[in-house]
Structures are given as structure tokens and as C-alpha cells.
Amino acid sequence: MPVVRDLRVLLRLKNFRRLLAVRLLSQCADGVYQVALATYVVFSPEKETSPVAIASAMAVLLLPYSLIGPFAGVLLDRWQRRQVFLYGNLLRALLATGTAVLILVSVPDWLFYASALSVTAVNRFVLAGLSASLPRVVDAERLVMANSVSPTAGTLAATAGGGLAFAVRLAADDSDAAVVLLGAVLYLCAALASLRMARELLGPDPEVLQPRLRAALASTAHGLVAGLRHLAERRPAAQALTAMTLMRFCYGALLVTVLMLCRHAWASTEQEGLALLGLAVAVSGAGFFAAAVIAPWAVGRLGPFGWMTLCATAAALLEPSLGLPFAPTPMLIAAFVLGLTTQGMKIATDTVVQTSVDDAYRGRVFSLYDVLFNVAFVGAAGVAALMLPPDGRSVPLITMVALLYAATALLLCRWTRRRPPAQPRA
């Protein structure tokens, strides 16, 4: 099979394996840390959880990156990306340890959020840098396969980290601090793993580096405008990002719905609610894995935009039929389907952006990509907070999401018709 053959070739590439190891450890730590935050905010016995509380937490943790994200991209196009992975993960390990201490001493919520914000701020640099670095370790012929293996493996690592966090929390008598400390250890391991790569390997090339921080910051505004102009000139990349943002909005609204259903509608105890949430995360992770297997074959035959159209159409058709019963089993099936379609869309989007955008601009464009993710996710949480009742059952919300999926499919179909048909791979 071509997929198996390409995967074997990728795993024989030394530098790809090393970059993948950094991604796996880093995103596993992200999964641990995010579950620790979610359980502290949503499932703590002393807290009254509501959609508004969840939306507020997401806004505090994610919206500030709408401001710093583009600046991160400009710096990524000047700093050596290997060094970003090294020092970024070391800093996150230190900050996560501080968050654990704050949980133990029961500080006010604003101080906890400030600490969590510091940890996830560094994440903007690391994730954008991982995507921007991938074309430096894989040839263009296998970039689609690399985009299916690497980000999807990272998502699965985050899912596994989330599962590990649930297990540690239960074993440690519901100690969120212990879970956060586990995340700090994994961040440290990711930093050490980055040392296996040469400092100059991941770019950017020396002629585009601005090693002095003052010079880099002074040109940030100019670099951001240049990055936006470059993206506007690469219409396929701009269109793919638009479609991915809409899909991300839908996914965020449904995530808040599942959180409220697990907390109030499907479970009588907090432990039972946590177990159901963990199961939903695992099933969604299985959908991510399925996308990694299917997407390279599908993109090769349908083209990136054809495959994206199919993903959005499948979500539009299946999401209301599975979500409207508001029952655990259909919703878990929906979690698998949406994991597959959302990750399948992301694989194609990453490939379009990487092949359409010049290397000197990739850091900026992927940071903008990251900002769109955050804004869409927080916006979805805000809309869900307005529409969801306390138990999470909202027919209007499910219907709105289905219509957005359908609108995304129609847009993609229109863009696909304007392109020459993809040539099937032999």
C-alpha cells in the first residue's frame, strides 16, 4: 500500500523522527496540562460550572494570543526554531511547576489564570514552529503524508496525555496539582529531546535571521503586514484557512456542549462525568487516527480541496442526526466522526499552506493560522454560553452547527470547481 510505504520511508528519516519526538512529548504535556485546567475549572466540587464559566476560562486563556500570535510568527521567522523548542519547553516546565504550587495554596482564580496563561502563551511559539519546520525534514513528495502523520500523532499524543492525566488525578485523590507537575516533567523531556537535532537544521536560513531581539521587534509591524500580504497573494492558503476556521468554530461549540452534558446530564457524580469525558476524548482521538490513515489516500485522489469538501459535507449530514438525541452513545459516535473530519480537514489545510507559502513567511502564516484557531474556538464557546441551558441540551445550537458545516462544504465546493482536477497517484 502506498500509505504504508510512505510511512516507512518517513520513519527512516532521522531528522523527521527527531522532530516527531519533540512534537509527541510536547503535545502529550499539553494534553496533561489542558485536562488539569479543565478538571480544575469544570469538575472541582467547590465550583459552580456553567457554559458562561467555561467560555470565560477559554477567553482568558486563549484570546490574548489573538494579539501576540502574529508577533510570535515574526519572531519565528528570525529565531532558530530548534532553540524555540529547547527554551520554550524549558520555560513551560518551570511555569507549569509554578501553576501546581498555586493550586496547592488555593490562590484567587485570577492568579491561577495568569499562571496558566503564561504556560499556554509559550505554546503559540512551539506549535507554530513545529508546523513551519516540517518541510525542512521531509521532501515535497511526501509532505502530505508527513502532515497526516506528524500533527495527527501530536493530537493522539495530546489525547494520550489527557487520558494519563485522568488516571493520575484519580490515583492521586483528585489532585490537580499532581497532574500539572506531570505536565511539567513532560515539557522538560521535550526540551531535552530537541537537543538531538542540529541547531541550524530547522531554519530559517541564516540570511533571513535577525539574531538581535531589538531588531526583530522593531520590524514586527512591517513583517506582519508582509506576511498578511503574502497570504493574500496565495489564494489557496487563504481559502483553506477560512474553511478550517469555520470547522474549528463548530468543533468548539460542540466541545462545550459535551462538557456540559458530561457534567450535568449524563452523570450523577463528578467521577462518572470525568469518566464519560475521558471516553469522549478517546473516541475523538480514534477519529484523528483514522484521518491520518485515510487523508493521504483521499488527498491524492480528490485533491486537498476535494477532500476538505467531503469532510465538511460528512459533518453537515451526520452531526445533527447523531447530536440531536443528546444521548451518550450517538454523541460518542459523533465524536469519532467529527474527530475524523476535523483532523482530515487540518491535514489538508496544513499541506495547502506549506506548499503555497514561501519558507521565509511560514512562521508568520502558521502563527496567524493559530490565532484563527483560538478566536474561532473562543467565539464558539461564547455563542454556546448564550445558547446552552445548564444541562447542555440545545436543539438550536446543534442546528446552527449543522448549517455552518453545510455552508463550509458549499464554499469548498465552489472553490474546488475553479481548480483543475487532481491527478490520481499511481
Protein backbone atom coordinates (compact mmCIF):
# COMPACT_ATOMS: atom_id res chain seq x y z
CA MET A 1 0.00 0.00 0.00
CA PRO A 2 1.31 3.49 -0.84
CA VAL A 3 0.41 4.81 2.62
CA VAL A 4 2.37 2.08 4.39
CA ARG A 5 5.32 2.51 2.02
CA ASP A 6 5.43 6.28 2.54
CA LEU A 7 5.11 5.88 6.29
CA ARG A 8 8.06 3.51 6.36
CA VAL A 9 10.11 5.99 4.36
CA LEU A 10 9.19 8.83 6.72
CA LEU A 11 10.17 6.88 9.79
CA ARG A 12 13.54 6.09 8.22
CA LEU A 13 14.27 9.83 8.03
CA LYS A 14 16.36 10.56 11.11
CA ASN A 15 15.50 14.22 11.41
CA PHE A 16 11.79 13.59 10.86
CA ARG A 17 11.84 11.08 13.72
CA ARG A 18 13.60 13.56 15.99
CA LEU A 19 11.19 16.40 15.18
CA LEU A 20 8.30 13.99 15.70
CA ALA A 21 9.67 13.02 19.13
CA VAL A 22 9.68 16.68 20.19
CA ARG A 23 6.10 17.06 18.98
CA LEU A 24 4.89 13.92 20.76
CA LEU A 25 6.42 14.84 24.10
CA SER A 26 5.37 18.48 23.87
CA GLN A 27 1.78 17.77 22.88
CA CYS A 28 1.46 14.94 25.40
CA ALA A 29 2.41 17.51 28.03
CA ASP A 30 -0.16 19.89 26.52
CA GLY A 31 -2.83 17.20 26.89
CA VAL A 32 -1.92 16.64 30.53
CA TYR A 33 -1.91 20.36 31.29
CA GLN A 34 -5.16 21.10 29.47
CA VAL A 35 -7.01 18.31 31.27
CA ALA A 36 -5.67 19.59 34.57
CA LEU A 37 -7.05 23.05 33.76
CA ALA A 38 -10.38 21.65 32.54
CA THR A 39 -10.94 19.48 35.59
CA TYR A 40 -9.94 22.33 37.91
CA VAL A 41 -12.41 24.72 36.23
CA VAL A 42 -15.25 22.34 35.32
CA PHE A 43 -15.18 19.44 37.77
CA SER A 44 -13.91 20.93 41.02
CA PRO A 45 -16.58 20.31 43.70
CA GLU A 46 -16.36 23.88 45.03
CA LYS A 47 -17.07 25.46 41.64
CA GLU A 48 -20.48 26.05 40.05
CA THR A 49 -19.84 25.16 36.43
CA SER A 50 -21.87 26.84 33.68
CA PRO A 51 -21.38 27.47 29.95
CA VAL A 52 -20.53 31.08 30.84
CA ALA A 53 -17.79 29.93 33.24
CA ILE A 54 -16.30 27.66 30.56
CA ALA A 55 -16.44 30.40 27.94
CA SER A 56 -14.83 32.87 30.36
CA ALA A 57 -11.99 30.44 31.10
CA MET A 58 -11.39 29.86 27.38
CA ALA A 59 -11.40 33.60 26.71
CA VAL A 60 -8.89 34.30 29.49
CA LEU A 61 -6.56 31.51 28.33
CA LEU A 62 -6.83 31.93 24.56
CA LEU A 63 -7.93 35.40 23.48
CA PRO A 64 -4.71 37.21 24.45
CA TYR A 65 -2.95 35.14 21.79
CA SER A 66 -5.01 36.90 19.17
CA LEU A 67 -2.74 39.84 19.98
CA ILE A 68 0.62 38.10 20.45
CA GLY A 69 0.20 35.35 17.85
CA PRO A 70 1.28 37.38 14.80
CA PHE A 71 4.25 38.72 16.76
CA ALA A 72 5.21 35.13 17.55
CA GLY A 73 5.24 34.39 13.83
CA VAL A 74 7.55 37.29 13.04
CA LEU A 75 9.96 36.12 15.71
CA LEU A 76 9.75 32.52 14.49
CA ASP A 77 10.98 33.71 11.11
CA ARG A 78 14.05 35.19 12.85
CA TRP A 79 14.83 32.81 15.69
CA GLN A 80 16.26 29.37 15.09
CA ARG A 81 13.34 27.02 15.52
CA ARG A 82 15.35 24.34 17.32
CA GLN A 83 16.16 26.92 20.01
CA VAL A 84 12.47 27.82 20.29
CA PHE A 85 11.69 24.18 21.09
CA LEU A 86 14.52 23.96 23.63
CA TYR A 87 13.98 27.16 25.59
CA GLY A 88 10.20 27.20 25.09
CA ASN A 89 9.73 23.80 26.67
CA LEU A 90 12.18 24.57 29.48
CA LEU A 91 10.21 27.72 30.27
CA ARG A 92 6.92 25.84 30.20
CA ALA A 93 8.27 23.24 32.61
CA LEU A 94 9.21 26.00 35.06
CA LEU A 95 5.89 27.85 34.68
CA ALA A 96 3.82 24.67 35.00
CA THR A 97 5.58 23.89 38.27
CA GLY A 98 4.56 27.34 39.46
CA THR A 99 0.95 26.64 38.48
CA ALA A 100 0.99 23.46 40.58
CA VAL A 101 2.16 25.45 43.59
CA LEU A 102 -0.65 27.98 43.09
CA ILE A 103 -3.24 25.19 43.03
CA LEU A 104 -1.88 23.76 46.28
CA VAL A 105 -2.10 27.09 48.12
CA SER A 106 -5.60 27.87 46.78
CA VAL A 107 -4.93 31.31 45.33
CA PRO A 108 -7.65 33.51 43.78
CA ASP A 109 -8.84 32.45 40.35
CA TRP A 110 -7.31 35.45 38.56
CA LEU A 111 -3.81 34.50 39.74
CA PHE A 112 -4.31 30.89 38.65
CA TYR A 113 -5.46 32.03 35.22
CA ALA A 114 -2.46 34.36 34.92
CA SER A 115 -0.11 31.46 35.59
CA ALA A 116 -1.93 29.17 33.16
CA LEU A 117 -1.88 31.95 30.59
CA SER A 118 1.91 32.14 30.82
CA VAL A 119 2.28 28.42 30.11
CA THR A 120 -0.05 28.37 27.14
CA ALA A 121 1.45 31.60 25.75
CA VAL A 122 4.70 29.76 25.02
CA ASN A 123 2.65 27.09 23.29
CA ARG A 124 1.95 29.55 20.43
CA PHE A 125 5.65 29.56 19.53
CA VAL A 126 6.14 25.81 19.85
CA LEU A 127 3.15 24.63 17.81
CA ALA A 128 3.64 27.18 15.03
CA GLY A 129 7.33 26.31 14.93
CA LEU A 130 6.63 22.58 14.62
CA SER A 131 4.42 23.10 11.56
CA ALA A 132 6.83 25.59 9.98
CA SER A 133 9.75 23.19 10.49
CA LEU A 134 8.21 20.13 8.86
CA PRO A 135 9.20 20.98 5.24
CA ARG A 136 12.83 21.20 6.44
CA VAL A 137 12.94 17.49 7.30
CA VAL A 138 10.64 15.98 4.61
CA ASP A 139 10.77 16.26 0.82
CA ALA A 140 7.84 17.82 -1.07
CA GLU A 141 6.68 14.47 -2.47
CA ARG A 142 5.85 13.09 0.97
CA LEU A 143 4.68 16.31 2.61
CA VAL A 144 1.02 15.25 2.60
CA MET A 145 1.91 12.01 4.36
CA ALA A 146 4.10 13.90 6.83
CA ASN A 147 1.20 16.28 7.53
CA SER A 148 -1.06 13.33 8.24
CA VAL A 149 1.45 11.54 10.47
CA SER A 150 3.03 14.40 12.41
CA PRO A 151 0.14 16.68 13.52
CA THR A 152 -2.18 13.69 13.93
CA ALA A 153 0.40 11.85 16.02
CA GLY A 154 0.71 15.02 18.07
CA THR A 155 -3.05 15.15 18.56
CA LEU A 156 -3.06 11.50 19.58
CA ALA A 157 -0.21 12.22 22.00
CA ALA A 158 -2.28 15.06 23.48
CA THR A 159 -5.21 12.66 23.77
CA ALA A 160 -2.99 10.08 25.46
CA GLY A 161 -1.71 12.80 27.77
CA GLY A 162 -5.29 13.66 28.63
CA GLY A 163 -6.03 10.02 29.43
CA LEU A 164 -2.89 9.85 31.56
CA ALA A 165 -3.99 13.00 33.38
CA PHE A 166 -7.39 11.45 34.17
CA ALA A 167 -5.65 8.36 35.56
CA VAL A 168 -3.18 10.35 37.66
CA ARG A 169 -5.96 12.56 39.03
CA LEU A 170 -7.98 9.54 40.13
CA ALA A 171 -4.92 7.83 41.62
CA ALA A 172 -3.80 10.97 43.44
CA ASP A 173 -7.14 11.62 45.20
CA ASP A 174 -8.33 14.25 42.71
CA SER A 175 -5.10 16.25 42.96
CA ASP A 176 -4.94 18.71 40.07
CA ALA A 177 -1.50 19.82 41.28
CA ALA A 178 -0.08 16.33 40.74
CA VAL A 179 -1.40 16.34 37.18
CA VAL A 180 0.16 19.73 36.44
CA LEU A 181 3.52 18.51 37.80
CA LEU A 182 3.34 15.54 35.43
CA GLY A 183 2.91 18.01 32.57
CA ALA A 184 5.99 19.93 33.77
CA VAL A 185 8.09 16.74 33.64
CA LEU A 186 6.94 16.03 30.08
CA TYR A 187 7.76 19.59 28.99
CA LEU A 188 11.28 19.05 30.34
CA CYS A 189 11.58 15.81 28.36
CA ALA A 190 10.50 17.64 25.17
CA ALA A 191 13.22 20.25 25.73
CA LEU A 192 15.86 17.56 26.12
CA ALA A 193 14.62 15.73 23.00
CA SER A 194 15.13 18.86 20.89
CA LEU A 195 18.88 18.72 21.64
CA ARG A 196 19.16 15.68 19.35
CA MET A 197 18.73 17.99 16.32
CA ALA A 198 21.37 20.35 14.98
CA ARG A 199 20.83 23.96 15.94
CA GLU A 200 20.60 25.18 12.31
CA LEU A 201 18.58 22.22 10.96
CA LEU A 202 15.06 23.63 11.17
CA GLY A 203 15.74 27.09 9.80
CA PRO A 204 15.02 29.74 8.93
CA ASP A 205 18.08 30.13 6.74
CA PRO A 206 20.88 32.34 8.10
CA GLU A 207 20.34 35.07 5.51
CA VAL A 208 16.82 35.74 6.83
CA LEU A 209 17.70 35.55 10.53
CA GLN A 210 17.74 38.68 12.69
CA PRO A 211 19.63 37.44 15.76
CA ARG A 212 19.21 40.67 17.75
CA LEU A 213 15.88 40.78 19.55
CA ARG A 214 15.62 44.58 19.34
CA ALA A 215 15.99 44.49 15.55
CA ALA A 216 13.40 41.71 15.28
CA LEU A 217 10.85 43.55 17.42
CA ALA A 218 11.45 46.81 15.59
CA SER A 219 10.46 45.17 12.31
CA THR A 220 7.48 43.25 13.73
CA ALA A 221 4.80 45.51 12.27
CA HIS A 222 6.44 45.53 8.86
CA GLY A 223 6.89 41.76 8.97
CA LEU A 224 3.25 41.20 9.95
CA VAL A 225 1.99 43.34 7.08
CA ALA A 226 4.30 41.48 4.71
CA GLY A 227 3.02 38.14 5.99
CA LEU A 228 -0.61 39.17 5.51
CA ARG A 229 0.16 40.46 2.03
CA HIS A 230 1.93 37.23 1.17
CA LEU A 231 -1.05 35.20 2.41
CA ALA A 232 -3.46 37.35 0.38
CA GLU A 233 -1.43 36.59 -2.72
CA ARG A 234 -1.65 32.83 -2.01
CA ARG A 235 -5.38 32.36 -2.51
CA PRO A 236 -5.42 28.58 -1.91
CA ALA A 237 -3.84 29.07 1.52
CA ALA A 238 -6.29 31.86 2.43
CA GLN A 239 -9.28 29.77 1.34
CA ALA A 240 -8.09 26.70 3.24
CA LEU A 241 -7.61 28.75 6.41
CA THR A 242 -11.12 30.20 6.05
CA ALA A 243 -12.68 26.74 5.82
CA MET A 244 -10.59 25.40 8.70
CA THR A 245 -11.63 28.33 10.90
CA LEU A 246 -15.30 27.57 10.31
CA MET A 247 -14.75 23.90 11.14
CA ARG A 248 -12.89 24.89 14.29
CA PHE A 249 -15.79 27.10 15.38
CA CYS A 250 -18.18 24.18 15.01
CA TYR A 251 -15.88 21.86 16.92
CA GLY A 252 -15.55 24.36 19.78
CA ALA A 253 -19.32 24.78 20.15
CA LEU A 254 -19.80 21.01 20.27
CA LEU A 255 -16.98 20.60 22.79
CA VAL A 256 -18.68 22.96 25.25
CA THR A 257 -21.92 21.04 24.67
CA VAL A 258 -20.24 17.72 25.53
CA LEU A 259 -18.60 19.25 28.63
CA MET A 260 -21.98 20.37 29.97
CA LEU A 261 -23.65 17.07 29.10
CA CYS A 262 -20.93 15.13 30.93
CA ARG A 263 -21.09 17.46 33.92
CA HIS A 264 -24.87 17.73 34.36
CA ALA A 265 -26.95 15.47 32.08
CA TRP A 266 -25.20 12.12 31.73
CA ALA A 267 -23.64 11.62 35.16
CA SER A 268 -24.80 11.71 38.76
CA THR A 269 -21.29 12.14 40.21
CA GLU A 270 -18.19 14.10 39.24
CA GLN A 271 -16.15 10.92 38.82
CA GLU A 272 -18.71 9.48 36.44
CA GLY A 273 -18.74 12.73 34.47
CA LEU A 274 -14.94 12.70 34.23
CA ALA A 275 -15.00 9.10 33.00
CA LEU A 276 -17.51 9.96 30.28
CA LEU A 277 -15.48 12.98 29.22
CA GLY A 278 -12.35 10.83 29.08
CA LEU A 279 -14.18 8.31 26.90
CA ALA A 280 -15.34 11.07 24.54
CA VAL A 281 -11.76 12.33 24.24
CA ALA A 282 -10.52 8.80 23.49
CA VAL A 283 -13.16 8.21 20.82
CA SER A 284 -12.35 11.54 19.20
CA GLY A 285 -8.68 10.52 19.25
CA ALA A 286 -9.59 7.37 17.35
CA GLY A 287 -11.16 9.62 14.72
CA PHE A 288 -7.90 11.58 14.49
CA PHE A 289 -6.01 8.32 13.90
CA ALA A 290 -8.46 7.27 11.19
CA ALA A 291 -7.91 10.63 9.49
CA ALA A 292 -4.15 10.02 9.45
CA VAL A 293 -4.72 6.74 7.60
CA ILE A 294 -7.37 7.97 5.16
CA ALA A 295 -6.30 11.55 4.37
CA PRO A 296 -3.14 10.85 2.30
CA TRP A 297 -5.02 8.44 0.03
CA ALA A 298 -8.02 10.77 -0.25
CA VAL A 299 -5.96 13.90 -0.93
CA GLY A 300 -4.03 12.02 -3.61
CA ARG A 301 -7.24 11.21 -5.47
CA LEU A 302 -9.55 14.11 -4.69
CA GLY A 303 -7.02 16.88 -4.18
CA PRO A 304 -6.82 18.86 -0.92
CA PHE A 305 -9.96 20.89 -1.59
CA GLY A 306 -11.95 17.89 -2.78
CA TRP A 307 -11.11 16.02 0.42
CA MET A 308 -11.93 19.07 2.54
CA THR A 309 -15.31 19.34 0.81
CA LEU A 310 -16.04 15.70 1.62
CA CYS A 311 -15.10 16.22 5.29
CA ALA A 312 -17.37 19.25 5.68
CA THR A 313 -20.25 17.50 3.88
CA ALA A 314 -19.99 14.40 6.08
CA ALA A 315 -20.02 16.56 9.22
CA ALA A 316 -23.05 18.53 7.98
CA LEU A 317 -25.04 15.35 7.33
CA LEU A 318 -24.07 13.29 10.37
CA GLU A 319 -23.75 15.88 13.15
CA PRO A 320 -27.48 16.66 13.60
CA SER A 321 -28.61 13.04 13.34
CA LEU A 322 -26.12 11.96 15.98
CA GLY A 323 -26.23 15.05 18.20
CA LEU A 324 -29.94 15.81 18.49
CA PRO A 325 -30.82 12.75 20.63
CA PHE A 326 -28.44 14.15 23.30
CA ALA A 327 -27.66 10.57 24.35
CA PRO A 328 -24.18 9.28 25.21
CA THR A 329 -23.87 6.58 22.52
CA PRO A 330 -24.86 8.69 19.47
CA MET A 331 -22.77 11.58 20.78
CA LEU A 332 -19.74 9.33 21.12
CA ILE A 333 -20.21 8.24 17.50
CA ALA A 334 -20.40 11.91 16.60
CA ALA A 335 -17.14 12.50 18.49
CA PHE A 336 -15.44 9.91 16.26
CA VAL A 337 -16.91 11.36 13.05
CA LEU A 338 -16.01 14.94 13.97
CA GLY A 339 -12.52 13.87 15.07
CA LEU A 340 -12.02 12.26 11.66
CA THR A 341 -13.43 15.14 9.62
CA THR A 342 -11.81 17.95 11.61
CA GLN A 343 -8.38 16.32 11.62
CA GLY A 344 -8.78 15.33 7.98
CA MET A 345 -9.50 18.96 7.17
CA LYS A 346 -6.45 20.08 9.16
CA ILE A 347 -4.13 17.67 7.36
CA ALA A 348 -5.22 19.08 4.00
CA THR A 349 -5.05 22.68 5.26
CA ASP A 350 -1.53 22.24 6.61
CA THR A 351 -0.42 20.85 3.26
CA VAL A 352 -2.02 23.68 1.28
CA VAL A 353 -0.42 26.33 3.49
CA GLN A 354 3.01 24.69 3.46
CA THR A 355 3.05 24.26 -0.32
CA SER A 356 1.57 27.69 -1.09
CA VAL A 357 3.58 29.85 1.32
CA ASP A 358 7.30 30.62 0.96
CA ASP A 359 9.61 29.33 3.70
CA ALA A 360 10.57 32.84 4.82
CA TYR A 361 6.89 33.55 5.64
CA ARG A 362 5.80 30.21 7.08
CA GLY A 363 6.31 31.17 10.71
CA ARG A 364 4.10 34.24 10.33
CA VAL A 365 1.39 32.42 8.41
CA PHE A 366 1.25 29.48 10.82
CA SER A 367 1.04 31.89 13.74
CA LEU A 368 -1.90 33.61 12.04
CA TYR A 369 -3.34 30.12 11.49
CA ASP A 370 -3.00 29.54 15.24
CA VAL A 371 -4.69 32.86 16.02
CA LEU A 372 -7.66 31.96 13.81
CA PHE A 373 -7.93 28.67 15.73
CA ASN A 374 -8.07 30.49 19.06
CA VAL A 375 -10.51 33.18 18.00
CA ALA A 376 -12.86 30.63 16.41
CA PHE A 377 -12.70 28.40 19.49
CA VAL A 378 -13.37 31.20 21.98
CA GLY A 379 -16.08 32.64 19.74
CA ALA A 380 -17.76 29.24 19.65
CA ALA A 381 -17.59 28.99 23.44
CA GLY A 382 -19.17 32.43 23.74
CA VAL A 383 -22.01 31.53 21.38
CA ALA A 384 -22.52 28.25 23.23
CA ALA A 385 -22.66 30.11 26.54
CA LEU A 386 -25.55 32.21 25.18
CA MET A 387 -27.46 29.28 23.68
CA LEU A 388 -26.87 26.34 26.04
CA PRO A 389 -29.13 25.59 29.01
CA PRO A 390 -27.42 24.31 32.18
CA ASP A 391 -27.77 20.64 31.17
CA GLY A 392 -26.22 21.20 27.70
CA ARG A 393 -29.24 20.19 25.60
CA SER A 394 -29.82 22.81 22.87
CA VAL A 395 -31.53 21.95 19.60
CA PRO A 396 -30.86 25.45 18.13
CA LEU A 397 -27.11 25.10 18.76
CA ILE A 398 -26.89 21.68 17.09
CA THR A 399 -28.90 23.01 14.14
CA MET A 400 -26.72 26.11 13.80
CA VAL A 401 -23.55 23.99 13.78
CA ALA A 402 -25.00 21.71 11.08
CA LEU A 403 -25.80 24.74 8.92
CA LEU A 404 -22.26 26.09 9.36
CA TYR A 405 -20.82 22.75 8.29
CA ALA A 406 -23.08 22.83 5.22
CA ALA A 407 -22.03 26.41 4.39
CA THR A 408 -18.37 25.38 4.65
CA ALA A 409 -18.98 22.47 2.28
CA LEU A 410 -20.66 24.77 -0.25
CA LEU A 411 -17.78 27.25 -0.13
CA LEU A 412 -15.25 24.48 -0.62
CA CYS A 413 -17.23 23.00 -3.46
CA ARG A 414 -17.26 26.39 -5.18
CA TRP A 415 -13.50 26.81 -4.76
CA THR A 416 -12.85 23.24 -5.94
CA ARG A 417 -14.72 23.81 -9.20
CA ARG A 418 -12.37 26.69 -10.00
CA ARG A 419 -9.33 24.44 -9.84
CA PRO A 420 -8.09 21.79 -12.27
CA PRO A 421 -8.92 18.26 -11.16
CA ALA A 422 -6.28 16.48 -9.10
CA GLN A 423 -4.30 13.77 -10.87
CA PRO A 424 -4.61 10.39 -9.12
CA ARG A 425 -1.41 8.91 -7.81
CA ALA A 426 -0.26 5.65 -9.27
